[in-house]
PDB file of N, CA and C in Angstrom:
ATOM      1  N   UNK A   1      -5.033 -39.431  38.015  1.00  0.00           N
ATOM      2  CA  UNK A   1      -4.414 -38.863  39.196  1.00  0.00           C
ATOM      3  C   UNK A   1      -3.758 -39.993  40.002  1.00  0.00           C
ATOM      4  N   UNK A   2      -2.489 -39.830  40.315  1.00  0.00           N
ATOM      5  CA  UNK A   2      -1.791 -40.860  41.078  1.00  0.00           C
ATOM      6  C   UNK A   2      -2.148 -40.772  42.560  1.00  0.00           C
ATOM      7  N   UNK A   3      -1.804 -41.836  43.271  1.00  0.00           N
ATOM      8  CA  UNK A   3      -2.040 -41.929  44.704  1.00  0.00           C
ATOM      9  C   UNK A   3      -0.700 -42.151  45.393  1.00  0.00           C
ATOM     10  N   UNK A   4      -0.495 -41.454  46.500  1.00  0.00           N
ATOM     11  CA  UNK A   4       0.680 -41.667  47.344  1.00  0.00           C
ATOM     12  C   UNK A   4       0.214 -42.399  48.600  1.00  0.00           C
ATOM     13  N   UNK A   5       0.853 -43.528  48.861  1.00  0.00           N
ATOM     14  CA  UNK A   5       0.590 -44.342  50.049  1.00  0.00           C
ATOM     15  C   UNK A   5       1.763 -44.091  50.988  1.00  0.00           C
ATOM     16  N   UNK A   6       1.500 -43.431  52.107  1.00  0.00           N
ATOM     17  CA  UNK A   6       2.541 -43.026  53.047  1.00  0.00           C
ATOM     18  C   UNK A   6       2.536 -43.973  54.240  1.00  0.00           C
ATOM     19  N   UNK A   7       3.712 -44.447  54.609  1.00  0.00           N
ATOM     20  CA  UNK A   7       3.841 -45.373  55.732  1.00  0.00           C
ATOM     21  C   UNK A   7       4.933 -44.843  56.661  1.00  0.00           C
ATOM     22  N   UNK A   8       4.552 -44.540  57.887  1.00  0.00           N
ATOM     23  CA  UNK A   8       5.500 -44.109  58.910  1.00  0.00           C
ATOM     24  C   UNK A   8       5.666 -45.265  59.879  1.00  0.00           C
ATOM     25  N   UNK A   9       6.908 -45.656  60.108  1.00  0.00           N
ATOM     26  CA  UNK A   9       7.204 -46.853  60.890  1.00  0.00           C
ATOM     27  C   UNK A   9       7.907 -46.476  62.184  1.00  0.00           C
ATOM     28  N   UNK A  10       7.368 -46.972  63.282  1.00  0.00           N
ATOM     29  CA  UNK A  10       8.019 -46.885  64.582  1.00  0.00           C
ATOM     30  C   UNK A  10       8.427 -48.314  64.937  1.00  0.00           C
ATOM     31  N   UNK A  11       9.721 -48.565  65.051  1.00  0.00           N
ATOM     32  CA  UNK A  11      10.174 -49.931  65.322  1.00  0.00           C
ATOM     33  C   UNK A  11      10.185 -50.222  66.815  1.00  0.00           C
ATOM     34  N   UNK A  12      10.058 -51.494  67.121  1.00  0.00           N
ATOM     35  CA  UNK A  12      10.163 -51.960  68.501  1.00  0.00           C
ATOM     36  C   UNK A  12      11.595 -51.793  68.999  1.00  0.00           C
ATOM     37  N   UNK A  13      11.755 -51.713  70.294  1.00  0.00           N
ATOM     38  CA  UNK A  13      13.086 -51.718  70.899  1.00  0.00           C
ATOM     39  C   UNK A  13      13.751 -53.052  70.584  1.00  0.00           C
ATOM     40  N   UNK A  14      15.046 -53.030  70.353  1.00  0.00           N
ATOM     41  CA  UNK A  14      15.805 -54.252  70.135  1.00  0.00           C
ATOM     42  C   UNK A  14      15.793 -54.792  68.715  1.00  0.00           C
ATOM     43  N   UNK A  15      15.163 -54.074  67.796  1.00  0.00           N
ATOM     44  CA  UNK A  15      15.154 -54.505  66.402  1.00  0.00           C
ATOM     45  C   UNK A  15      16.562 -54.335  65.832  1.00  0.00           C
ATOM     46  N   UNK A  16      17.033 -55.340  65.110  1.00  0.00           N
ATOM     47  CA  UNK A  16      18.394 -55.287  64.567  1.00  0.00           C
ATOM     48  C   UNK A  16      18.432 -54.559  63.229  1.00  0.00           C
ATOM     49  N   UNK A  17      19.620 -54.107  62.860  1.00  0.00           N
ATOM     50  CA  UNK A  17      19.802 -53.483  61.550  1.00  0.00           C
ATOM     51  C   UNK A  17      19.450 -54.462  60.436  1.00  0.00           C
ATOM     52  N   UNK A  18      19.773 -55.727  60.610  1.00  0.00           N
ATOM     53  CA  UNK A  18      19.465 -56.743  59.596  1.00  0.00           C
ATOM     54  C   UNK A  18      17.957 -56.877  59.396  1.00  0.00           C
ATOM     55  N   UNK A  19      17.203 -56.829  60.478  1.00  0.00           N
ATOM     56  CA  UNK A  19      15.741 -56.909  60.364  1.00  0.00           C
ATOM     57  C   UNK A  19      15.186 -55.697  59.622  1.00  0.00           C
ATOM     58  N   UNK A  20      15.702 -54.527  59.951  1.00  0.00           N
ATOM     59  CA  UNK A  20      15.262 -53.300  59.284  1.00  0.00           C
ATOM     60  C   UNK A  20      15.618 -53.363  57.801  1.00  0.00           C
ATOM     61  N   UNK A  21      16.827 -53.779  57.478  1.00  0.00           N
ATOM     62  CA  UNK A  21      17.242 -53.862  56.085  1.00  0.00           C
ATOM     63  C   UNK A  21      16.385 -54.849  55.291  1.00  0.00           C
ATOM     64  N   UNK A  22      16.007 -55.965  55.911  1.00  0.00           N
ATOM     65  CA  UNK A  22      15.138 -56.936  55.243  1.00  0.00           C
ATOM     66  C   UNK A  22      13.780 -56.311  54.915  1.00  0.00           C
ATOM     67  N   UNK A  23      13.229 -55.555  55.845  1.00  0.00           N
ATOM     68  CA  UNK A  23      11.950 -54.895  55.613  1.00  0.00           C
ATOM     69  C   UNK A  23      12.083 -53.829  54.535  1.00  0.00           C
ATOM     70  N   UNK A  24      13.127 -53.023  54.617  1.00  0.00           N
ATOM     71  CA  UNK A  24      13.316 -51.964  53.613  1.00  0.00           C
ATOM     72  C   UNK A  24      13.469 -52.554  52.215  1.00  0.00           C
ATOM     73  N   UNK A  25      14.245 -53.629  52.099  1.00  0.00           N
ATOM     74  CA  UNK A  25      14.399 -54.293  50.798  1.00  0.00           C
ATOM     75  C   UNK A  25      13.068 -54.860  50.328  1.00  0.00           C
ATOM     76  N   UNK A  26      12.282 -55.393  51.255  1.00  0.00           N
ATOM     77  CA  UNK A  26      10.970 -55.925  50.899  1.00  0.00           C
ATOM     78  C   UNK A  26      10.028 -54.851  50.394  1.00  0.00           C
ATOM     79  N   UNK A  27      10.076 -53.688  51.016  1.00  0.00           N
ATOM     80  CA  UNK A  27       9.231 -52.575  50.565  1.00  0.00           C
ATOM     81  C   UNK A  27       9.659 -52.124  49.175  1.00  0.00           C
ATOM     82  N   UNK A  28      10.947 -51.979  48.952  1.00  0.00           N
ATOM     83  CA  UNK A  28      11.452 -51.566  47.641  1.00  0.00           C
ATOM     84  C   UNK A  28      11.051 -52.565  46.561  1.00  0.00           C
ATOM     85  N   UNK A  29      11.083 -53.848  46.885  1.00  0.00           N
ATOM     86  CA  UNK A  29      10.768 -54.897  45.905  1.00  0.00           C
ATOM     87  C   UNK A  29       9.312 -54.898  45.473  1.00  0.00           C
ATOM     88  N   UNK A  30       8.439 -54.238  46.226  1.00  0.00           N
ATOM     89  CA  UNK A  30       7.022 -54.219  45.857  1.00  0.00           C
ATOM     90  C   UNK A  30       6.799 -53.604  44.479  1.00  0.00           C
ATOM     91  N   UNK A  31       7.667 -52.698  44.089  1.00  0.00           N
ATOM     92  CA  UNK A  31       7.525 -52.048  42.777  1.00  0.00           C
ATOM     93  C   UNK A  31       7.544 -53.067  41.644  1.00  0.00           C
ATOM     94  N   UNK A  32       8.350 -54.083  41.767  1.00  0.00           N
ATOM     95  CA  UNK A  32       8.463 -55.082  40.712  1.00  0.00           C
ATOM     96  C   UNK A  32       7.485 -56.243  40.882  1.00  0.00           C
ATOM     97  N   UNK A  33       6.745 -56.243  41.972  1.00  0.00           N
ATOM     98  CA  UNK A  33       5.867 -57.371  42.266  1.00  0.00           C
ATOM     99  C   UNK A  33       4.380 -57.067  42.182  1.00  0.00           C
ATOM    100  N   UNK A  34       4.018 -55.797  42.342  1.00  0.00           N
ATOM    101  CA  UNK A  34       2.599 -55.446  42.409  1.00  0.00           C
ATOM    102  C   UNK A  34       2.244 -54.505  41.261  1.00  0.00           C
ATOM    103  N   UNK A  35       1.289 -54.913  40.427  1.00  0.00           N
ATOM    104  CA  UNK A  35       0.855 -54.031  39.337  1.00  0.00           C
ATOM    105  C   UNK A  35       0.317 -52.710  39.883  1.00  0.00           C
ATOM    106  N   UNK A  36       0.631 -51.645  39.174  1.00  0.00           N
ATOM    107  CA  UNK A  36       0.141 -50.332  39.567  1.00  0.00           C
ATOM    108  C   UNK A  36       1.077 -49.557  40.470  1.00  0.00           C
ATOM    109  N   UNK A  37       2.120 -50.209  41.002  1.00  0.00           N
ATOM    110  CA  UNK A  37       3.102 -49.494  41.815  1.00  0.00           C
ATOM    111  C   UNK A  37       4.106 -48.854  40.858  1.00  0.00           C
ATOM    112  N   UNK A  38       4.156 -47.538  40.869  1.00  0.00           N
ATOM    113  CA  UNK A  38       5.030 -46.791  39.957  1.00  0.00           C
ATOM    114  C   UNK A  38       6.396 -46.486  40.555  1.00  0.00           C
ATOM    115  N   UNK A  39       6.418 -46.222  41.863  1.00  0.00           N
ATOM    116  CA  UNK A  39       7.669 -45.804  42.500  1.00  0.00           C
ATOM    117  C   UNK A  39       7.596 -46.107  43.995  1.00  0.00           C
ATOM    118  N   UNK A  40       8.743 -46.437  44.565  1.00  0.00           N
ATOM    119  CA  UNK A  40       8.844 -46.674  46.004  1.00  0.00           C
ATOM    120  C   UNK A  40      10.056 -45.911  46.519  1.00  0.00           C
ATOM    121  N   UNK A  41       9.824 -45.116  47.543  1.00  0.00           N
ATOM    122  CA  UNK A  41      10.917 -44.417  48.221  1.00  0.00           C
ATOM    123  C   UNK A  41      10.812 -44.748  49.699  1.00  0.00           C
ATOM    124  N   UNK A  42      11.953 -45.054  50.305  1.00  0.00           N
ATOM    125  CA  UNK A  42      11.977 -45.361  51.731  1.00  0.00           C
ATOM    126  C   UNK A  42      13.303 -44.878  52.305  1.00  0.00           C
ATOM    127  N   UNK A  43      13.254 -44.455  53.550  1.00  0.00           N
ATOM    128  CA  UNK A  43      14.483 -44.018  54.176  1.00  0.00           C
ATOM    129  C   UNK A  43      14.343 -43.876  55.677  1.00  0.00           C
ATOM    130  N   UNK A  44      15.474 -43.625  56.306  1.00  0.00           N
ATOM    131  CA  UNK A  44      15.526 -43.404  57.746  1.00  0.00           C
ATOM    132  C   UNK A  44      15.014 -42.004  58.052  1.00  0.00           C
ATOM    133  N   UNK A  45      14.291 -41.853  59.131  1.00  0.00           N
ATOM    134  CA  UNK A  45      13.871 -40.541  59.591  1.00  0.00           C
ATOM    135  C   UNK A  45      15.045 -39.879  60.307  1.00  0.00           C
ATOM    136  N   UNK A  46      15.494 -38.753  59.776  1.00  0.00           N
ATOM    137  CA  UNK A  46      16.615 -38.047  60.397  1.00  0.00           C
ATOM    138  C   UNK A  46      16.153 -36.858  61.240  1.00  0.00           C
ATOM    139  N   UNK A  47      14.849 -36.588  61.228  1.00  0.00           N
ATOM    140  CA  UNK A  47      14.315 -35.419  61.902  1.00  0.00           C
ATOM    141  C   UNK A  47      14.000 -35.720  63.363  1.00  0.00           C
ATOM    142  N   UNK A  48      14.170 -34.709  64.205  1.00  0.00           N
ATOM    143  CA  UNK A  48      13.786 -34.860  65.602  1.00  0.00           C
ATOM    144  C   UNK A  48      12.351 -34.377  65.845  1.00  0.00           C
ATOM    145  N   UNK A  49      11.640 -34.021  64.766  1.00  0.00           N
ATOM    146  CA  UNK A  49      10.262 -33.552  64.909  1.00  0.00           C
ATOM    147  C   UNK A  49       9.294 -34.687  65.218  1.00  0.00           C
ATOM    148  N   UNK A  50       9.657 -35.900  64.846  1.00  0.00           N
ATOM    149  CA  UNK A  50       8.861 -37.092  65.182  1.00  0.00           C
ATOM    150  C   UNK A  50       9.851 -38.179  65.577  1.00  0.00           C
ATOM    151  N   UNK A  51      10.470 -38.051  66.756  1.00  0.00           N
ATOM    152  CA  UNK A  51      11.571 -38.939  67.121  1.00  0.00           C
ATOM    153  C   UNK A  51      11.182 -40.405  67.253  1.00  0.00           C
ATOM    154  N   UNK A  52       9.909 -40.697  67.414  1.00  0.00           N
ATOM    155  CA  UNK A  52       9.480 -42.089  67.523  1.00  0.00           C
ATOM    156  C   UNK A  52       9.407 -42.783  66.158  1.00  0.00           C
ATOM    157  N   UNK A  53       9.363 -42.004  65.085  1.00  0.00           N
ATOM    158  CA  UNK A  53       9.328 -42.574  63.733  1.00  0.00           C
ATOM    159  C   UNK A  53      10.756 -42.875  63.302  1.00  0.00           C
ATOM    160  N   UNK A  54      11.031 -44.141  62.977  1.00  0.00           N
ATOM    161  CA  UNK A  54      12.387 -44.520  62.566  1.00  0.00           C
ATOM    162  C   UNK A  54      12.561 -44.521  61.052  1.00  0.00           C
ATOM    163  N   UNK A  55      11.480 -44.838  60.311  1.00  0.00           N
ATOM    164  CA  UNK A  55      11.558 -44.936  58.857  1.00  0.00           C
ATOM    165  C   UNK A  55      10.244 -44.464  58.237  1.00  0.00           C
ATOM    166  N   UNK A  56      10.334 -44.021  57.001  1.00  0.00           N
ATOM    167  CA  UNK A  56       9.137 -43.622  56.266  1.00  0.00           C
ATOM    168  C   UNK A  56       9.241 -44.140  54.838  1.00  0.00           C
ATOM    169  N   UNK A  57       8.087 -44.520  54.308  1.00  0.00           N
ATOM    170  CA  UNK A  57       8.023 -44.979  52.923  1.00  0.00           C
ATOM    171  C   UNK A  57       6.924 -44.215  52.204  1.00  0.00           C
ATOM    172  N   UNK A  58       7.181 -43.927  50.923  1.00  0.00           N
ATOM    173  CA  UNK A  58       6.187 -43.318  50.052  1.00  0.00           C
ATOM    174  C   UNK A  58       6.084 -44.213  48.822  1.00  0.00           C
ATOM    175  N   UNK A  59       4.914 -44.813  48.651  1.00  0.00           N
ATOM    176  CA  UNK A  59       4.667 -45.692  47.511  1.00  0.00           C
ATOM    177  C   UNK A  59       3.705 -44.964  46.593  1.00  0.00           C
ATOM    178  N   UNK A  60       4.107 -44.751  45.351  1.00  0.00           N
ATOM    179  CA  UNK A  60       3.264 -44.081  44.366  1.00  0.00           C
ATOM    180  C   UNK A  60       2.578 -45.139  43.523  1.00  0.00           C
ATOM    181  N   UNK A  61       1.255 -45.034  43.445  1.00  0.00           N
ATOM    182  CA  UNK A  61       0.448 -45.979  42.672  1.00  0.00           C
ATOM    183  C   UNK A  61      -0.312 -45.232  41.580  1.00  0.00           C
ATOM    184  N   UNK A  62      -0.700 -45.959  40.555  1.00  0.00           N
ATOM    185  CA  UNK A  62      -1.355 -45.337  39.407  1.00  0.00           C
ATOM    186  C   UNK A  62      -2.664 -44.654  39.762  1.00  0.00           C
ATOM    187  N   UNK A  63      -3.465 -45.271  40.653  1.00  0.00           N
ATOM    188  CA  UNK A  63      -4.777 -44.724  40.983  1.00  0.00           C
ATOM    189  C   UNK A  63      -5.355 -45.449  42.198  1.00  0.00           C
ATOM    190  N   UNK A  64      -6.570 -45.088  42.571  1.00  0.00           N
ATOM    191  CA  UNK A  64      -7.211 -45.688  43.742  1.00  0.00           C
ATOM    192  C   UNK A  64      -7.503 -47.175  43.543  1.00  0.00           C
ATOM    193  N   UNK A  65      -7.763 -47.582  42.307  1.00  0.00           N
ATOM    194  CA  UNK A  65      -7.984 -49.005  42.047  1.00  0.00           C
ATOM    195  C   UNK A  65      -6.711 -49.805  42.325  1.00  0.00           C
ATOM    196  N   UNK A  66      -5.566 -49.254  41.928  1.00  0.00           N
ATOM    197  CA  UNK A  66      -4.292 -49.925  42.202  1.00  0.00           C
ATOM    198  C   UNK A  66      -4.046 -49.999  43.713  1.00  0.00           C
ATOM    199  N   UNK A  67      -4.410 -48.940  44.435  1.00  0.00           N
ATOM    200  CA  UNK A  67      -4.273 -48.944  45.893  1.00  0.00           C
ATOM    201  C   UNK A  67      -5.164 -50.017  46.515  1.00  0.00           C
ATOM    202  N   UNK A  68      -6.391 -50.150  46.009  1.00  0.00           N
ATOM    203  CA  UNK A  68      -7.318 -51.154  46.542  1.00  0.00           C
ATOM    204  C   UNK A  68      -6.773 -52.571  46.329  1.00  0.00           C
ATOM    205  N   UNK A  69      -6.066 -52.794  45.222  1.00  0.00           N
ATOM    206  CA  UNK A  69      -5.498 -54.116  44.937  1.00  0.00           C
ATOM    207  C   UNK A  69      -4.177 -54.341  45.670  1.00  0.00           C
ATOM    208  N   UNK A  70      -3.513 -53.276  46.063  1.00  0.00           N
ATOM    209  CA  UNK A  70      -2.203 -53.331  46.701  1.00  0.00           C
ATOM    210  C   UNK A  70      -2.239 -54.052  48.058  1.00  0.00           C
ATOM    211  N   UNK A  71      -3.159 -53.671  48.924  1.00  0.00           N
ATOM    212  CA  UNK A  71      -3.229 -54.229  50.275  1.00  0.00           C
ATOM    213  C   UNK A  71      -3.364 -55.741  50.314  1.00  0.00           C
ATOM    214  N   UNK A  72      -4.311 -56.312  49.576  1.00  0.00           N
ATOM    215  CA  UNK A  72      -4.487 -57.763  49.621  1.00  0.00           C
ATOM    216  C   UNK A  72      -3.529 -58.558  48.728  1.00  0.00           C
ATOM    217  N   UNK A  73      -2.715 -57.873  47.943  1.00  0.00           N
ATOM    218  CA  UNK A  73      -1.799 -58.576  47.025  1.00  0.00           C
ATOM    219  C   UNK A  73      -0.871 -59.498  47.841  1.00  0.00           C
ATOM    220  N   UNK A  74      -0.610 -60.719  47.354  1.00  0.00           N
ATOM    221  CA  UNK A  74       0.248 -61.658  48.088  1.00  0.00           C
ATOM    222  C   UNK A  74       1.634 -61.106  48.437  1.00  0.00           C
ATOM    223  N   UNK A  75       2.228 -60.292  47.564  1.00  0.00           N
ATOM    224  CA  UNK A  75       3.554 -59.725  47.866  1.00  0.00           C
ATOM    225  C   UNK A  75       3.470 -58.764  49.055  1.00  0.00           C
ATOM    226  N   UNK A  76       2.394 -57.998  49.139  1.00  0.00           N
ATOM    227  CA  UNK A  76       2.205 -57.089  50.268  1.00  0.00           C
ATOM    228  C   UNK A  76       1.939 -57.882  51.539  1.00  0.00           C
ATOM    229  N   UNK A  77       1.142 -58.923  51.438  1.00  0.00           N
ATOM    230  CA  UNK A  77       0.857 -59.759  52.601  1.00  0.00           C
ATOM    231  C   UNK A  77       2.126 -60.448  53.115  1.00  0.00           C
ATOM    232  N   UNK A  78       2.982 -60.888  52.196  1.00  0.00           N
ATOM    233  CA  UNK A  78       4.270 -61.481  52.598  1.00  0.00           C
ATOM    234  C   UNK A  78       5.137 -60.458  53.320  1.00  0.00           C
ATOM    235  N   UNK A  79       5.146 -59.224  52.823  1.00  0.00           N
ATOM    236  CA  UNK A  79       5.917 -58.165  53.467  1.00  0.00           C
ATOM    237  C   UNK A  79       5.422 -57.926  54.890  1.00  0.00           C
ATOM    238  N   UNK A  80       4.118 -57.920  55.067  1.00  0.00           N
ATOM    239  CA  UNK A  80       3.567 -57.684  56.405  1.00  0.00           C
ATOM    240  C   UNK A  80       4.036 -58.731  57.409  1.00  0.00           C
ATOM    241  N   UNK A  81       4.309 -59.936  56.947  1.00  0.00           N
ATOM    242  CA  UNK A  81       4.777 -61.002  57.836  1.00  0.00           C
ATOM    243  C   UNK A  81       6.144 -60.687  58.442  1.00  0.00           C
ATOM    244  N   UNK A  82       6.967 -59.901  57.737  1.00  0.00           N
ATOM    245  CA  UNK A  82       8.264 -59.513  58.300  1.00  0.00           C
ATOM    246  C   UNK A  82       8.230 -58.115  58.907  1.00  0.00           C
ATOM    247  N   UNK A  83       7.298 -57.279  58.448  1.00  0.00           N
ATOM    248  CA  UNK A  83       7.196 -55.919  58.977  1.00  0.00           C
ATOM    249  C   UNK A  83       6.512 -55.882  60.346  1.00  0.00           C
ATOM    250  N   UNK A  84       5.402 -56.557  60.482  1.00  0.00           N
ATOM    251  CA  UNK A  84       4.611 -56.435  61.708  1.00  0.00           C
ATOM    252  C   UNK A  84       5.367 -56.863  62.974  1.00  0.00           C
ATOM    253  N   UNK A  85       6.189 -57.894  62.938  1.00  0.00           N
ATOM    254  CA  UNK A  85       6.914 -58.251  64.170  1.00  0.00           C
ATOM    255  C   UNK A  85       7.926 -57.199  64.638  1.00  0.00           C
ATOM    256  N   UNK A  86       8.411 -56.352  63.731  1.00  0.00           N
ATOM    257  CA  UNK A  86       9.385 -55.344  64.150  1.00  0.00           C
ATOM    258  C   UNK A  86       8.748 -53.979  64.407  1.00  0.00           C
ATOM    259  N   UNK A  87       7.478 -53.825  64.008  1.00  0.00           N
ATOM    260  CA  UNK A  87       6.825 -52.522  64.112  1.00  0.00           C
ATOM    261  C   UNK A  87       6.082 -52.374  65.433  1.00  0.00           C
ATOM    262  N   UNK A  88       6.451 -51.351  66.160  1.00  0.00           N
ATOM    263  CA  UNK A  88       5.707 -50.990  67.368  1.00  0.00           C
ATOM    264  C   UNK A  88       4.414 -50.288  66.958  1.00  0.00           C
ATOM    265  N   UNK A  89       4.532 -49.479  65.897  1.00  0.00           N
ATOM    266  CA  UNK A  89       3.381 -48.738  65.412  1.00  0.00           C
ATOM    267  C   UNK A  89       3.592 -48.385  63.944  1.00  0.00           C
ATOM    268  N   UNK A  90       2.507 -48.395  63.181  1.00  0.00           N
ATOM    269  CA  UNK A  90       2.505 -47.926  61.796  1.00  0.00           C
ATOM    270  C   UNK A  90       1.468 -46.823  61.671  1.00  0.00           C
ATOM    271  N   UNK A  91       1.825 -45.763  60.970  1.00  0.00           N
ATOM    272  CA  UNK A  91       0.872 -44.727  60.630  1.00  0.00           C
ATOM    273  C   UNK A  91       0.774 -44.700  59.110  1.00  0.00           C
ATOM    274  N   UNK A  92      -0.441 -44.825  58.604  1.00  0.00           N
ATOM    275  CA  UNK A  92      -0.673 -44.917  57.168  1.00  0.00           C
ATOM    276  C   UNK A  92      -1.554 -43.761  56.738  1.00  0.00           C
ATOM    277  N   UNK A  93      -1.218 -43.155  55.605  1.00  0.00           N
ATOM    278  CA  UNK A  93      -2.064 -42.133  54.992  1.00  0.00           C
ATOM    279  C   UNK A  93      -2.012 -42.331  53.487  1.00  0.00           C
ATOM    280  N   UNK A  94      -3.122 -42.039  52.823  1.00  0.00           N
ATOM    281  CA  UNK A  94      -3.203 -42.143  51.375  1.00  0.00           C
ATOM    282  C   UNK A  94      -3.728 -40.831  50.840  1.00  0.00           C
ATOM    283  N   UNK A  95      -3.037 -40.275  49.829  1.00  0.00           N
ATOM    284  CA  UNK A  95      -3.446 -38.981  49.274  1.00  0.00           C
ATOM    285  C   UNK A  95      -3.453 -39.042  47.751  1.00  0.00           C
ATOM    286  N   UNK A  96      -4.348 -38.264  47.150  1.00  0.00           N
ATOM    287  CA  UNK A  96      -4.370 -38.053  45.700  1.00  0.00           C
ATOM    288  C   UNK A  96      -3.405 -36.928  45.357  1.00  0.00           C
ATOM    289  N   UNK A  97      -2.656 -37.111  44.296  1.00  0.00           N
ATOM    290  CA  UNK A  97      -1.764 -36.025  43.858  1.00  0.00           C
ATOM    291  C   UNK A  97      -1.833 -35.847  42.354  1.00  0.00           C
TER     292      UNK A  97
END
């Protein structure tokens, strides 16, 4: 059974498009850097139902073991170094599918 790792991003005021693009590219690159990552989808939130959320990512992993290894992986930790300064808030959820 695969796992979906959902990330909802609320960016800080004043974040540039270049900063957002760097983070989005970094999230997409995780697929080629972290074992067990099967697919990465990310995009801008176009809905007014959660206007504070600017972007959302869905990372599909092989299983819960892959998810457990994902967080501490050096590529993920490197991504956090560029994501956290631009994020006002992150909402994370993990589901079995």
